[in-house]
Protein backbone atom coordinates (compact mmCIF):
# COMPACT_ATOMS: atom_id res chain seq x y z
CA UNK A 1 -16.83 43.90 12.94
CA UNK A 2 -14.99 44.70 9.24
CA UNK A 3 -10.79 45.25 9.44
CA UNK A 4 -10.12 48.41 9.40
CA UNK A 5 -12.70 49.01 12.18
CA UNK A 6 -10.94 46.72 14.38
CA UNK A 7 -7.59 48.55 14.01
CA UNK A 8 -9.50 51.15 14.78
CA UNK A 9 -10.87 50.00 18.08
CA UNK A 10 -7.82 48.62 19.09
CA UNK A 11 -5.61 52.07 18.37
CA UNK A 12 -8.58 53.31 20.74
CA UNK A 13 -7.82 50.86 23.84
CA UNK A 14 -4.00 51.28 23.34
CA UNK A 15 -4.44 54.74 23.77
CA UNK A 16 -7.10 54.44 26.58
CA UNK A 17 -4.94 51.70 28.20
CA UNK A 18 -2.80 54.38 29.80
CA UNK A 19 -4.20 52.77 33.48
CA UNK A 20 -3.01 50.88 36.33
CA UNK A 21 0.31 50.56 38.64
CA UNK A 22 -0.69 50.28 42.71
CA UNK A 23 0.90 50.94 46.26
CA UNK A 24 0.29 47.27 47.16
CA UNK A 25 -0.78 44.83 44.22
CA UNK A 26 1.23 42.29 42.70
CA UNK A 27 -0.07 41.72 38.31
CA UNK A 28 1.83 38.79 38.01
CA UNK A 29 -0.12 36.13 38.63
CA UNK A 30 1.54 33.42 36.82
CA UNK A 31 4.27 32.63 34.66
CA UNK A 32 2.76 33.60 31.05
CA UNK A 33 2.39 37.20 32.54
CA UNK A 34 6.63 37.18 32.98
CA UNK A 35 6.71 36.40 28.93
CA UNK A 36 3.87 39.54 27.97
CA UNK A 37 2.25 41.49 30.69
CA UNK A 38 -0.25 42.15 28.36
CA UNK A 39 -2.68 39.56 29.56
CA UNK A 40 -5.99 41.24 29.98
CA UNK A 41 -7.45 40.78 26.52
CA UNK A 42 -6.10 37.16 25.83
CA UNK A 43 -8.40 34.37 25.91
CA UNK A 44 -6.52 31.43 27.81
CA UNK A 45 -6.35 29.65 31.40
CA UNK A 46 -4.42 32.67 32.80
CA UNK A 47 -7.89 34.38 32.12
CA UNK A 48 -8.84 32.36 35.50
CA UNK A 49 -7.50 35.92 36.87
CA UNK A 50 -6.69 38.16 34.19
CA UNK A 51 -9.72 38.18 31.68
CA UNK A 52 -12.38 35.72 33.48
CA UNK A 53 -15.02 36.27 31.22
CA UNK A 54 -13.06 35.40 28.44
CA UNK A 55 -13.25 31.32 29.77
CA UNK A 56 -16.18 30.99 28.21
CA UNK A 57 -14.50 31.00 24.70
CA UNK A 58 -12.11 28.06 25.21
CA UNK A 59 -12.77 24.70 23.90
CA UNK A 60 -14.89 22.86 26.09
CA UNK A 61 -12.51 20.77 29.00
CA UNK A 62 -11.24 20.84 32.15
CA UNK A 63 -7.55 23.13 32.16
CA UNK A 64 -5.38 23.53 35.39
CA UNK A 65 -2.34 25.87 34.73
CA UNK A 66 0.68 25.20 37.82
CA UNK A 67 3.59 28.39 37.72
CA UNK A 68 6.41 28.94 39.76
CA UNK A 69 8.16 32.45 39.73
CA UNK A 70 11.65 32.94 41.13
CA UNK A 71 12.29 36.59 41.89
CA UNK A 72 16.19 37.62 42.42
CA UNK A 73 15.71 40.92 43.92
CA UNK A 74 18.24 43.63 44.56
CA UNK A 75 17.12 46.50 46.95
CA UNK A 76 19.15 49.07 48.54
CA UNK A 77 18.76 52.45 50.62
CA UNK A 78 21.45 55.40 50.72
CA UNK A 79 21.65 58.24 53.06
CA UNK A 80 24.81 60.25 53.53
CA UNK A 81 27.69 57.99 53.85
CA UNK A 82 25.36 55.29 54.80
CA UNK A 83 24.19 52.53 52.40
CA UNK A 84 21.56 49.28 53.50
CA UNK A 85 21.11 46.46 50.74
CA UNK A 86 18.98 43.37 50.46
CA UNK A 87 19.40 40.86 48.05
CA UNK A 88 17.06 38.47 49.32
CA UNK A 89 15.48 36.31 46.44
CA UNK A 90 12.23 34.63 46.35
CA UNK A 91 12.93 31.52 44.81
CA UNK A 92 9.22 30.13 44.89
CA UNK A 93 6.04 32.28 44.30
CA UNK A 94 3.46 29.69 43.22
CA UNK A 95 0.27 30.19 41.58
CA UNK A 96 -2.42 27.67 40.39
CA UNK A 97 -5.41 28.28 37.76
CA UNK A 98 -8.33 26.02 36.92
CA UNK A 99 -11.20 26.34 34.54
CA UNK A 100 -13.85 24.00 33.78
CA UNK A 101 -15.78 25.42 30.20
CA UNK A 102 -18.78 23.25 28.95
CA UNK A 103 -21.35 24.86 26.90
CA UNK A 104 -22.11 28.43 27.11
CA UNK A 105 -20.56 28.37 30.68
CA UNK A 106 -17.18 28.34 32.49
CA UNK A 107 -16.16 28.20 35.82
CA UNK A 108 -12.59 29.51 37.03
CA UNK A 109 -10.56 29.43 39.99
CA UNK A 110 -7.25 31.56 40.92
CA UNK A 111 -4.91 30.58 43.87
CA UNK A 112 -1.63 32.90 44.45
CA UNK A 113 0.21 36.09 46.23
CA UNK A 114 -2.28 39.03 45.09
CA UNK A 115 -0.51 41.43 46.89
CA UNK A 116 2.90 42.61 49.00
CA UNK A 117 6.76 42.72 48.12
CA UNK A 118 7.76 39.22 49.19
CA UNK A 119 10.80 39.11 51.77
CA UNK A 120 13.51 41.66 52.51
CA UNK A 121 16.69 41.43 54.32
CA UNK A 122 18.74 44.59 54.41
CA UNK A 123 22.09 43.89 56.51
CA UNK A 124 23.38 46.64 59.11
CA UNK A 125 19.64 48.32 58.99
CA UNK A 126 17.53 50.76 57.45
CA UNK A 127 18.35 54.40 56.23
CA UNK A 128 15.86 55.71 58.64
CA UNK A 129 18.10 55.30 61.47
CA UNK A 130 20.85 57.87 60.85
CA UNK A 131 18.00 60.34 59.32
CA UNK A 132 16.49 60.56 62.23
CA UNK A 133 19.78 61.09 64.18
CA UNK A 134 20.98 63.27 61.83
CA UNK A 135 18.09 65.94 61.06
CA UNK A 136 17.02 66.11 65.03
CA UNK A 137 18.60 68.88 67.54
CA UNK A 138 17.63 67.08 70.17
CA UNK A 139 19.81 64.27 69.11
CA UNK A 140 22.60 66.36 68.36
CA UNK A 141 22.82 68.01 71.76
CA UNK A 142 22.93 64.90 73.78
CA UNK A 143 25.69 63.45 70.83
CA UNK A 144 23.41 60.71 69.87
CA UNK A 145 24.48 58.72 66.44
CA UNK A 146 23.66 55.60 65.03
CA UNK A 147 26.47 52.51 65.09
CA UNK A 148 24.63 49.57 63.12
CA UNK A 149 22.52 46.97 63.58
CA UNK A 150 21.36 43.71 63.11
CA UNK A 151 19.82 42.53 59.72
CA UNK A 152 16.13 44.49 59.41
CA UNK A 153 13.89 41.58 58.09
CA UNK A 154 10.34 42.51 56.47
CA UNK A 155 7.91 40.07 54.92
CA UNK A 156 4.54 41.08 53.12
CA UNK A 157 2.03 38.72 51.96
CA UNK A 158 -1.52 38.70 50.63
CA UNK A 159 -2.76 35.15 50.27
CA UNK A 160 -5.70 34.89 47.56
CA UNK A 161 -8.15 32.64 46.87
CA UNK A 162 -10.61 33.78 43.89
CA UNK A 163 -13.18 31.75 42.24
CA UNK A 164 -16.89 32.27 40.01
CA UNK A 165 -18.19 31.60 36.66
CA UNK A 166 -18.80 32.98 33.30
CA UNK A 167 -21.62 32.92 31.01
CA UNK A 168 -21.84 33.87 27.17
CA UNK A 169 -25.09 36.39 26.37
CA UNK A 170 -24.97 35.69 22.58
CA UNK A 171 -22.83 35.41 20.11
CA UNK A 172 -20.16 37.92 20.92
CA UNK A 173 -20.60 39.14 24.42
CA UNK A 174 -19.89 37.07 28.05
CA UNK A 175 -19.80 38.43 31.38
CA UNK A 176 -18.31 36.82 34.82
CA UNK A 177 -19.08 37.44 38.50
CA UNK A 178 -16.63 36.29 41.36
CA UNK A 179 -15.17 36.57 44.73
CA UNK A 180 -11.68 36.58 46.42
CA UNK A 181 -10.65 36.06 49.68
CA UNK A 182 -7.61 37.54 50.82
CA UNK A 183 -5.33 36.46 54.24
CA UNK A 184 -2.81 39.54 54.51
CA UNK A 185 0.52 39.43 56.71
CA UNK A 186 2.94 42.35 57.01
CA UNK A 187 5.74 41.86 59.44
CA UNK A 188 9.11 44.01 60.67
CA UNK A 189 11.66 42.97 62.90
CA UNK A 190 14.98 43.84 63.67
CA UNK A 191 17.53 45.55 65.94
CA UNK A 192 19.25 48.92 65.71
CA UNK A 193 22.09 50.14 68.06
CA UNK A 194 22.81 54.29 68.95
CA UNK A 195 25.09 55.87 71.29
CA UNK A 196 24.85 58.73 72.97
CA UNK A 197 27.58 60.63 75.03
CA UNK A 198 26.77 63.58 76.96
CA UNK A 199 29.66 63.44 79.70
CA UNK A 200 29.26 67.06 80.58
CA UNK A 201 25.29 67.03 80.95
CA UNK A 202 23.19 65.26 83.47
CA UNK A 203 22.67 62.35 80.65
CA UNK A 204 25.75 60.70 80.76
CA UNK A 205 26.64 58.07 78.05
CA UNK A 206 25.20 54.78 77.08
CA UNK A 207 23.41 52.89 74.35
CA UNK A 208 20.46 52.92 73.02
CA UNK A 209 18.91 49.79 71.49
CA UNK A 210 15.79 50.02 68.95
CA UNK A 211 14.17 46.63 68.92
CA UNK A 212 11.00 45.73 67.14
CA UNK A 213 9.24 42.46 66.36
CA UNK A 214 5.73 43.36 64.67
CA UNK A 215 3.15 41.48 62.83
CA UNK A 216 0.45 42.66 61.23
CA UNK A 217 -2.54 40.73 59.89
CA UNK A 218 -5.69 40.86 58.19
CA UNK A 219 -8.69 39.40 56.17
CA UNK A 220 -10.82 40.74 53.24
CA UNK A 221 -13.42 40.24 50.60
CA UNK A 222 -13.38 41.18 47.00
CA UNK A 223 -16.10 41.25 44.48
CA UNK A 224 -14.79 40.67 41.14
CA UNK A 225 -16.81 41.78 37.71
CA UNK A 226 -15.80 40.92 34.30
CA UNK A 227 -17.06 41.63 30.66
CA UNK A 228 -15.96 40.15 27.02
CA UNK A 229 -16.55 40.87 23.71
CA UNK A 230 -15.16 38.46 21.14
CA UNK A 231 -16.62 39.30 17.44
CA UNK A 232 -14.68 36.71 15.48
CA UNK A 233 -11.55 34.46 16.19
CA UNK A 234 -8.93 37.39 15.30
CA UNK A 235 -10.11 39.78 17.50
CA UNK A 236 -11.06 40.15 21.33
CA UNK A 237 -11.16 42.48 24.22
CA UNK A 238 -11.34 41.81 27.87
CA UNK A 239 -12.83 44.35 30.73
CA UNK A 240 -12.21 43.32 34.42
CA UNK A 241 -13.14 45.20 37.45
CA UNK A 242 -12.83 44.41 41.09
CA UNK A 243 -13.96 46.41 44.10
CA UNK A 244 -11.67 48.09 47.02
CA UNK A 245 -10.72 44.98 49.89
CA UNK A 246 -11.17 46.20 53.07
CA UNK A 247 -8.02 45.10 55.39
CA UNK A 248 -8.66 45.78 58.80
CA UNK A 249 -4.96 45.12 59.72
CA UNK A 250 -4.18 43.69 63.64
CA UNK A 251 -1.21 45.08 64.76
CA UNK A 252 1.00 43.53 67.58
CA UNK A 253 4.29 45.10 68.70
CA UNK A 254 5.41 45.54 72.28
CA UNK A 255 8.88 45.29 72.33
CA UNK A 256 9.95 48.74 71.00
CA UNK A 257 9.86 50.99 73.96
CA UNK A 258 10.77 48.08 76.37
CA UNK A 259 13.74 47.94 74.15
CA UNK A 260 14.77 51.61 74.89
CA UNK A 261 14.14 51.99 78.23
CA UNK A 262 15.99 48.35 79.23
CA UNK A 263 19.41 49.54 76.85
CA UNK A 264 19.03 53.03 78.20
CA UNK A 265 18.27 52.32 81.79
CA UNK A 266 16.61 55.22 82.37
CA UNK A 267 13.02 56.08 81.47
CA UNK A 268 13.83 59.70 80.37
CA UNK A 269 16.48 59.01 77.95
CA UNK A 270 14.65 55.92 76.64
CA UNK A 271 11.43 57.72 75.97
CA UNK A 272 13.23 60.44 74.53
CA UNK A 273 14.17 58.08 71.89
CA UNK A 274 10.83 56.22 71.46
CA UNK A 275 8.88 59.08 71.07
CA UNK A 276 10.66 60.59 68.39
CA UNK A 277 11.22 57.99 66.51
CA UNK A 278 7.81 56.82 66.80
CA UNK A 279 6.50 59.32 64.78
CA UNK A 280 8.92 58.64 61.80
CA UNK A 281 6.49 57.20 59.08
CA UNK A 282 8.49 54.10 58.38
CA UNK A 283 7.96 53.00 62.29
CA UNK A 284 4.86 54.43 63.08
CA UNK A 285 2.80 51.75 61.09
CA UNK A 286 4.28 48.83 62.58
CA UNK A 287 3.19 49.72 66.13
CA UNK A 288 0.06 48.53 68.14
CA UNK A 289 -1.00 52.37 67.69
CA UNK A 290 -0.93 52.03 63.88
CA UNK A 291 -3.55 49.28 63.32
CA UNK A 292 -6.79 50.18 61.31
CA UNK A 293 -7.41 50.01 57.51
CA UNK A 294 -5.36 50.03 55.05
CA UNK A 295 -7.18 48.45 51.78
CA UNK A 296 -6.45 47.35 48.87
CA UNK A 297 -7.44 49.66 46.14
CA UNK A 298 -10.45 48.87 43.79
CA UNK A 299 -8.80 48.67 40.15
CA UNK A 300 -9.87 48.05 36.81
CA UNK A 301 -8.49 46.43 33.70
CA UNK A 302 -8.66 46.37 30.25
CA UNK A 303 -7.53 44.60 27.31
CA UNK A 304 -7.26 43.85 23.44
CA UNK A 305 -5.78 40.57 21.11
CA UNK A 306 -5.65 41.15 17.83
CA UNK A 307 -4.71 38.13 15.12
CA UNK A 308 -2.79 39.51 12.13
CA UNK A 309 -2.02 36.41 10.14
CA UNK A 310 -1.84 33.07 11.63
CA UNK A 311 1.56 33.06 13.15
CA UNK A 312 1.15 36.74 14.72
CA UNK A 313 -1.15 37.91 17.27
CA UNK A 314 -0.68 41.56 18.88
CA UNK A 315 -1.88 42.50 22.59
CA UNK A 316 -2.24 45.22 24.97
CA UNK A 317 -3.81 46.16 28.04
CA UNK A 318 -4.02 48.46 31.30
CA UNK A 319 -4.31 48.51 34.98
CA UNK A 320 -5.70 51.65 36.97
CA UNK A 321 -5.68 51.74 40.88
CA UNK A 322 -7.89 53.58 42.21
CA UNK A 323 -5.56 54.64 45.57
CA UNK A 324 -6.78 57.71 46.12
CA UNK A 325 -10.27 56.87 46.93
CA UNK A 326 -9.24 53.93 49.21
CA UNK A 327 -9.59 53.92 52.92
CA UNK A 328 -6.48 54.33 55.03
CA UNK A 329 -6.64 54.74 58.86
CA UNK A 330 -2.66 54.83 58.57
CA UNK A 331 -2.26 57.87 56.45
CA UNK A 332 0.19 55.25 54.44
CA UNK A 333 -1.97 56.36 51.03
CA UNK A 334 -1.26 60.66 51.77
CA UNK A 335 0.01 62.22 48.71
CA UNK A 336 -0.50 59.25 46.51
CA UNK A 337 -1.71 59.49 42.99
CA UNK A 338 -3.88 57.20 41.21
CA UNK A 339 -1.76 54.38 39.32
CA UNK A 340 -1.71 53.26 36.53
CA UNK A 341 0.27 50.09 34.54
CA UNK A 342 0.72 50.21 30.28
CA UNK A 343 1.34 46.95 28.41
CA UNK A 344 1.73 45.65 25.11
CA UNK A 345 2.90 41.99 23.42
CA UNK A 346 3.16 39.84 20.56
CA UNK A 347 2.76 35.98 20.13
CA UNK A 348 4.88 34.91 16.91
CA UNK A 349 4.23 31.17 16.12
CA UNK A 350 7.84 29.70 14.97
CA UNK A 351 7.02 26.37 14.04
CA UNK A 352 3.78 24.08 14.86
CA UNK A 353 4.55 23.33 18.67
CA UNK A 354 6.62 26.61 19.71
CA UNK A 355 5.45 29.96 20.25
CA UNK A 356 7.59 32.72 20.88
CA UNK A 357 6.48 35.69 23.17
CA UNK A 358 7.79 38.95 24.25
CA UNK A 359 6.48 42.54 25.79
CA UNK A 360 6.76 45.31 27.49
CA UNK A 361 5.17 47.11 30.46
CA UNK A 362 5.39 50.80 32.21
CA UNK A 363 4.18 51.54 35.52
CA UNK A 364 3.32 54.40 37.29
CA UNK A 365 2.90 53.52 41.10
CA UNK A 366 1.39 56.89 41.92
CA UNK A 367 3.81 57.99 44.45
CA UNK A 368 6.40 60.48 45.22
CA UNK A 369 9.01 61.65 47.02
CA UNK A 370 6.23 62.20 49.92
CA UNK A 371 5.02 58.79 49.73
CA UNK A 372 8.60 56.89 50.03
CA UNK A 373 9.57 55.50 53.22
CA UNK A 374 12.27 52.81 54.30
CA UNK A 375 9.70 49.98 54.73
CA UNK A 376 7.15 51.08 51.87
CA UNK A 377 8.50 52.64 48.56
CA UNK A 378 7.01 51.76 45.02
CA UNK A 379 9.16 53.21 42.59
CA UNK A 380 7.83 53.37 38.96
CA UNK A 381 9.52 50.93 36.77
CA UNK A 382 9.90 49.26 33.21
CA UNK A 383 9.64 46.11 32.63
CA UNK A 384 10.93 43.67 29.55
CA UNK A 385 10.01 40.43 29.13
CA UNK A 386 10.71 37.30 26.88
CA UNK A 387 9.02 33.61 26.65
CA UNK A 388 8.61 30.47 25.02
CA UNK A 389 5.60 27.62 25.02
CA UNK A 390 6.31 24.38 24.16
CA UNK A 391 3.06 22.10 22.86
CA UNK A 392 3.99 18.85 24.16
CA UNK A 393 0.61 17.57 22.78
CA UNK A 394 -2.92 18.62 22.30
CA UNK A 395 -3.46 18.05 26.54
CA UNK A 396 -0.21 19.43 27.52
CA UNK A 397 1.97 22.90 26.85
CA UNK A 398 5.49 24.17 29.01
CA UNK A 399 6.02 27.48 29.32
CA UNK A 400 9.18 29.59 30.55
CA UNK A 401 9.72 32.85 30.66
CA UNK A 402 11.78 35.54 31.83
CA UNK A 403 11.44 39.29 32.98
CA UNK A 404 13.99 42.35 33.90
CA UNK A 405 12.15 45.21 35.66
CA UNK A 406 14.28 48.22 36.00
CA UNK A 407 12.88 50.62 38.64
CA UNK A 408 13.28 54.05 38.40
CA UNK A 409 15.87 55.33 41.26
CA UNK A 410 14.32 58.47 43.00
CA UNK A 411 14.99 60.20 46.51
CA UNK A 412 12.16 61.21 49.42
CA UNK A 413 11.80 64.28 51.14
CA UNK A 414 14.30 63.11 54.06
CA UNK A 415 17.15 62.68 51.16
CA UNK A 416 17.21 59.44 51.00
CA UNK A 417 17.90 57.72 47.47
CA UNK A 418 16.05 54.22 46.53
CA UNK A 419 16.81 51.87 44.06
CA UNK A 420 15.86 48.02 42.99
CA UNK A 421 15.56 45.78 39.96
CA UNK A 422 14.24 42.61 40.14
CA UNK A 423 15.45 39.26 38.08
CA UNK A 424 11.99 37.53 37.65
CA UNK A 425 12.02 33.58 35.86
CA UNK A 426 8.75 31.86 35.25
CA UNK A 427 7.98 27.93 34.73
CA UNK A 428 4.59 26.74 34.02
CA UNK A 429 2.53 24.21 32.96
CA UNK A 430 -0.97 23.78 31.23
CA UNK A 431 -2.55 20.43 31.25
CA UNK A 432 -6.43 19.89 29.57
CA UNK A 433 -8.73 16.77 30.52
């Protein structure tokens, strides 16, 4: 392909790559992603996840890449004079990639956290508690108010193991097929304390306690298809498609109703609190009645890399998530649009052994004011990345990276304001046998 044609095709990909972003997915599957998130069109060991069909263009050998990410998270939600914060870090987020390439064939394996938001811990409760009280006339009648609570803990991890095979079709095209196994776990636990005071009425006064300990688990299987176009050593296009993953969550929670009745000493008052709070979307999905499918959407990715000079390589890629088409028994995906991400990046060889990397990514999650809840808010974001790779020998490479994720602060229809930002640090090692 001539140089001019390559630039035209790269321009088409850049414009068409305004894709991706998602309700549950995590795009950062290794430390190199934190250096430049435009990974789909790049040939390397990271292709075990990002571009499996491209792994056949590596040199023959067995490659192992080990990464760890550390995420420093600052989340907050505000309602009126109430503010709830979580700064719980995720210090260890490991991943592993293995590629064995020989001749026209490559076998690939990846293990990591494919989705979920890690752990959070909100001191004093969540904004839904005072919002429910102040927006419900019935609670005003009985003089109810939210007085605080213990730390609310949330955890969401989707651990994935995937593998497959890639094969060259001819001198420029290759393909890949693979399968991913996902073990998903979502937890929500904590307390919230309320008071009511209706001394002139028959209810009297007292306290009511929100007490929840919910665990939802599911297992799913994803099909993976890859395609790669590699006309020469300068230009490459990678493509990947993942099928929708069925995740039928089994929910176990029995504390909430008992907690309200036991704390008030009255079935009538306990049921009044319970039947109101259980209707809120932030709480409903965590109850036993909330068991059901919350599938991971199908997704498509495309990316390109172009080696401008011996030292400079440009990268562009994007992901598109089919959220509106995903099955959801719990109405968690209602009002969502399909999400997308678009990313650009650069590799620059400073010296013989040192390569500088940098990139940017914009994420549109498909969420909006009708979808945000205290236990499930995904905000649009800008991600700024930088990293460095050191080639210690022909067998060993070391990598360090940093990303700052600046989320767009937004409110939901209940006037609860959500904000967050993340500092992410990555370390990686690649060894070739």
